[in-house]
Structure formats: structure tokens, C-alpha cells
Amino acid sequence: MKMIQGDLLALVLDGSFDVILHGCNCQCQMGKGIALSIKKQFPEAYAADCKTAKADAAKLGTISVASIERGDCLFDVVNAYTQFHWRGDGILADYDAIRSAMRTVKARYAGQRIGYPKIGAGLAGGDWQVIAAIIDEELVGEDHTFVEFVG
């Protein structure tokens, strides 16, 4: 895993990535964290989320995708369903769901430049060391970058 500091959304718009992904809950909200920023800046990603079944635990480990065009820049935003909901204390991130979503991303985006934030380790309370290891295992051999937010 490569690691850089910056703004993931600005970087994708600058052409640094072919695809960005972030962790979502299964409630079709995108109301906090980077999901809210994505919802505002790339409403197509929220529309893709809303086409999935709300509050469906079967979404865990799956993805929805929006293809985005901004000027000359073309990229995909992947909504990875890595937690069921956002309520309560403790770890809300589902490590098995993260693993499954990463497998799907690798299968669909092999050979492309992939960027992501601390999926599941922010508001979802997951252990970044565990999650980073899962991402490294599932995206082995791919060009993937963790972007630590610096605004």
C-alpha cells in the first residue's frame, strides 16, 4: 500500500486515480465523513447507493459504482458496503465485508490506479492496522494508495 497525504477528492479530479472507493453503511444515507463529501461533490455516487436496497444486510461486502465525468476527467466512485449501520458504540466496521468488497474491487479494477481513505477506521471505529492488512492482502499486485486526509 502506498500512502500519501492530501484530499482524495481533489486528487481524483486532478487525474491521480482511475477509481476511488470509500466505506458505506447499508442505510443509503451518506450523511457523515467522506461519504457526505462524496455525496455533495459526486451526486452520481449517492444515486448509485440509493438504487440499492435500504437496510439490507445482504449488501455487506458488495459495492455499487458510479462512473463520473468531470471535464476531461473520467473515473469511478465505488461505494463499498463495509458496515451495516452507524448507530451505537464500538466497532461498526465489518472486516469480512471489507475483505469481500476489496476482492470485488480487485476483480473489477485490476491494473487501474485505486485511491481510498481510512475505510472503516474513522466513524466506523475499526482498527486501521487490521483493515490496512486486509486491503494489502486483497489488492496485492495492484496500484493502490491510502490517502490520509489533509485539507
Protein backbone atom coordinates (compact mmCIF):
# COMPACT_ATOMS: atom_id res chain seq x y z
CA MET A 1 0.00 0.00 0.00
CA LYS A 2 1.29 3.40 -0.95
CA MET A 3 0.47 6.18 1.50
CA ILE A 4 0.18 9.88 0.74
CA GLN A 5 -1.36 12.89 2.40
CA GLY A 6 -3.90 15.05 0.62
CA ASP A 7 -7.50 15.38 -0.42
CA LEU A 8 -8.73 12.20 -2.13
CA LEU A 9 -11.50 14.00 -3.99
CA ALA A 10 -9.17 16.72 -5.29
CA LEU A 11 -6.64 14.08 -6.32
CA VAL A 12 -9.15 12.09 -8.37
CA LEU A 13 -10.23 15.30 -10.10
CA ASP A 14 -6.57 16.01 -10.89
CA GLY A 15 -6.33 12.64 -12.64
CA SER A 16 -4.28 10.86 -9.97
CA PHE A 17 -6.68 7.90 -9.76
CA ASP A 18 -8.88 5.90 -12.10
CA VAL A 19 -11.12 4.80 -9.23
CA ILE A 20 -11.71 5.89 -5.67
CA LEU A 21 -13.54 3.88 -3.07
CA HIS A 22 -14.92 4.54 0.36
CA GLY A 23 -16.77 2.59 3.02
CA CYS A 24 -20.55 2.96 3.26
CA ASN A 25 -23.22 1.71 5.58
CA CYS A 26 -26.21 -0.20 4.22
CA GLN A 27 -28.75 2.53 5.05
CA CYS A 28 -28.46 4.71 1.88
CA GLN A 29 -27.57 7.81 3.87
CA MET A 30 -24.02 9.02 3.08
CA GLY A 31 -24.55 11.60 5.81
CA LYS A 32 -21.16 11.96 7.53
CA GLY A 33 -17.44 11.81 6.92
CA ILE A 34 -16.02 11.41 3.45
CA ALA A 35 -19.29 9.80 2.31
CA LEU A 36 -21.03 13.15 2.79
CA SER A 37 -18.30 14.93 0.83
CA ILE A 38 -18.66 12.38 -1.96
CA LYS A 39 -22.45 12.76 -1.89
CA LYS A 40 -22.12 16.53 -2.32
CA GLN A 41 -19.34 16.55 -4.91
CA PHE A 42 -20.33 13.43 -6.86
CA PRO A 43 -24.11 13.02 -6.50
CA GLU A 44 -23.93 10.19 -9.02
CA ALA A 45 -22.31 8.07 -6.29
CA TYR A 46 -25.21 8.78 -3.94
CA ALA A 47 -27.67 7.94 -6.72
CA ALA A 48 -25.91 4.57 -7.18
CA ASP A 49 -26.20 3.97 -3.43
CA CYS A 50 -29.91 4.82 -3.48
CA LYS A 51 -30.50 2.22 -6.22
CA THR A 52 -29.59 -0.47 -3.69
CA ALA A 53 -32.00 -1.82 -1.07
CA LYS A 54 -32.03 0.29 2.09
CA ALA A 55 -31.20 -1.51 5.35
CA ASP A 56 -30.41 -4.77 3.57
CA ALA A 57 -27.70 -6.70 5.43
CA ALA A 58 -27.12 -8.73 2.26
CA LYS A 59 -25.33 -5.66 0.83
CA LEU A 60 -22.44 -6.12 3.29
CA GLY A 61 -19.29 -6.85 1.30
CA THR A 62 -20.76 -5.72 -2.01
CA ILE A 63 -20.26 -2.49 -3.93
CA SER A 64 -22.21 0.00 -6.01
CA VAL A 65 -20.46 2.10 -8.63
CA ALA A 66 -20.89 5.49 -10.25
CA SER A 67 -18.95 6.45 -13.37
CA ILE A 68 -18.10 10.13 -13.13
CA GLU A 69 -17.18 12.57 -15.86
CA ARG A 70 -15.86 15.99 -14.91
CA GLY A 71 -14.39 17.86 -17.86
CA ASP A 72 -11.71 15.63 -19.37
CA CYS A 73 -11.53 13.51 -16.22
CA LEU A 74 -13.26 10.10 -16.15
CA PHE A 75 -13.24 7.88 -13.06
CA ASP A 76 -15.38 5.57 -10.97
CA VAL A 77 -16.51 6.08 -7.39
CA VAL A 78 -17.04 2.81 -5.56
CA ASN A 79 -19.40 2.67 -2.59
CA ALA A 80 -18.13 -0.33 -0.61
CA TYR A 81 -20.69 -1.64 1.87
CA THR A 82 -18.40 -2.21 4.85
CA GLN A 83 -20.76 -1.62 7.77
CA PHE A 84 -24.47 -2.21 8.35
CA HIS A 85 -25.35 1.00 10.21
CA TRP A 86 -23.79 3.93 12.03
CA ARG A 87 -25.56 3.74 15.41
CA GLY A 88 -24.03 2.71 18.70
CA ASP A 89 -20.60 2.39 20.20
CA GLY A 90 -17.81 0.01 19.41
CA ILE A 91 -16.59 -1.30 16.11
CA LEU A 92 -19.18 -0.91 13.38
CA ALA A 93 -16.82 -1.86 10.56
CA ASP A 94 -17.29 -5.41 9.31
CA TYR A 95 -13.86 -6.84 8.49
CA ASP A 96 -15.30 -9.68 6.40
CA ALA A 97 -17.32 -7.15 4.39
CA ILE A 98 -14.20 -5.06 3.83
CA ARG A 99 -12.36 -8.14 2.57
CA SER A 100 -15.19 -9.10 0.22
CA ALA A 101 -15.52 -5.57 -1.17
CA MET A 102 -11.76 -5.39 -1.79
CA ARG A 103 -11.88 -8.69 -3.68
CA THR A 104 -14.59 -7.29 -5.90
CA VAL A 105 -12.62 -4.08 -6.46
CA LYS A 106 -9.54 -6.07 -7.47
CA ALA A 107 -11.55 -8.20 -9.89
CA ARG A 108 -13.21 -5.19 -11.49
CA TYR A 109 -10.34 -2.68 -11.45
CA ALA A 110 -7.17 -4.74 -11.88
CA GLY A 111 -4.41 -2.66 -13.45
CA GLN A 112 -6.03 0.67 -12.57
CA ARG A 113 -4.94 3.32 -10.07
CA ILE A 114 -7.07 2.96 -6.91
CA GLY A 115 -7.31 5.54 -4.12
CA TYR A 116 -9.11 5.35 -0.78
CA PRO A 117 -9.35 6.91 2.69
CA LYS A 118 -9.11 5.05 6.03
CA ILE A 119 -12.01 2.76 5.13
CA GLY A 120 -13.80 1.55 8.25
CA ALA A 121 -11.34 3.17 10.65
CA GLY A 122 -12.96 6.58 11.05
CA LEU A 123 -16.57 6.86 12.11
CA ALA A 124 -16.97 3.06 11.93
CA GLY A 125 -14.34 2.59 14.65
CA GLY A 126 -12.39 -0.23 13.01
CA ASP A 127 -8.73 -0.92 13.69
CA TRP A 128 -6.76 0.60 10.81
CA GLN A 129 -3.89 -1.86 11.23
CA VAL A 130 -6.30 -4.77 10.71
CA ILE A 131 -8.06 -3.03 7.81
CA ALA A 132 -4.82 -2.00 6.11
CA ALA A 133 -3.62 -5.61 6.25
CA ILE A 134 -6.89 -6.80 4.67
CA ILE A 135 -6.59 -4.20 1.89
CA ASP A 136 -2.96 -5.16 1.24
CA GLU A 137 -3.86 -8.85 1.06
CA GLU A 138 -6.84 -8.37 -1.25
CA LEU A 139 -5.28 -5.74 -3.52
CA VAL A 140 -1.88 -7.43 -3.77
CA GLY A 141 -0.17 -6.55 -7.04
CA GLU A 142 -2.43 -3.56 -7.68
CA ASP A 143 -1.58 0.15 -7.78
CA HIS A 144 -3.48 1.24 -4.67
CA THR A 145 -2.96 4.23 -2.41
CA PHE A 146 -4.22 5.19 1.03
CA VAL A 147 -4.80 8.96 1.07
CA GLU A 148 -4.61 10.42 4.55
CA PHE A 149 -6.80 13.50 4.54
CA VAL A 150 -5.07 16.85 4.80
CA GLY A 151 -7.44 19.68 3.99
